């Protein structure tokens, strides 16, 4: 018979942790988006004594642990944080000192049925869509990729009091991450997107960005793309 006495470090929450130092690692427009925090933590260890008889293992004290490796559930959260930093840098507008910026976009449709450049589908076989502009075609692609926020519809042209052309307004973004942070961040700060006729898709000022609670941002849309593109 053979006695095995493995030792492992406990991966759960440590007994006590004390913050030793905190420094800003990534800063944009005076706002710290990522910190390096040094913690002094007590490490716990435990031992399990097992008895091996032939090919059978027994726990002497009845308190054996499972050594199976488990996936880190915080990976998506960490990856989304890194992506947010990247998007903040890419979407930075030096002209008005804002981050996570978008652009106003719109599409037209004629109630008579001649063309509907706001259609969500049918672009490949609807002959009426040939009249649509490149901007409207680009907007259609962005809607399909969930890169837009719809602001509403209004009448853009009337004849004898009858509306003959309507427009739909959107805020369009270069990435899903920017759209998510704009949509939920502005809601937190009670900021709007302007009006249907005059959209405001500008990003956050340094002061506004500092007030956004990123822990309350729902990144589930981004996680879907992350998991779909992940190579295991």
Foldseek 3Di string as FASTA:
>chain_A
DDKDKDKDWDPDDFPDKDWDDKDQDDDAQNARLDIDTDIDTDIDMDIWIWDDDPNDIDTPVPDDDDPDDDDDPCPLVVVLSVVLSVQQVVQQDPVVGFGLFWDKAKWKDFPVPQAGLQDLDDPVPDPSNVPTDPRSVVVSVQVVLVFKDWQDKDQDDDDPNHRGMMMTMITGGPDNSSVQCQVVLCVVVVHDQDHRVDGNRGHDHSVSVNPGDPVPRDCVSVVVVVVVPDDD
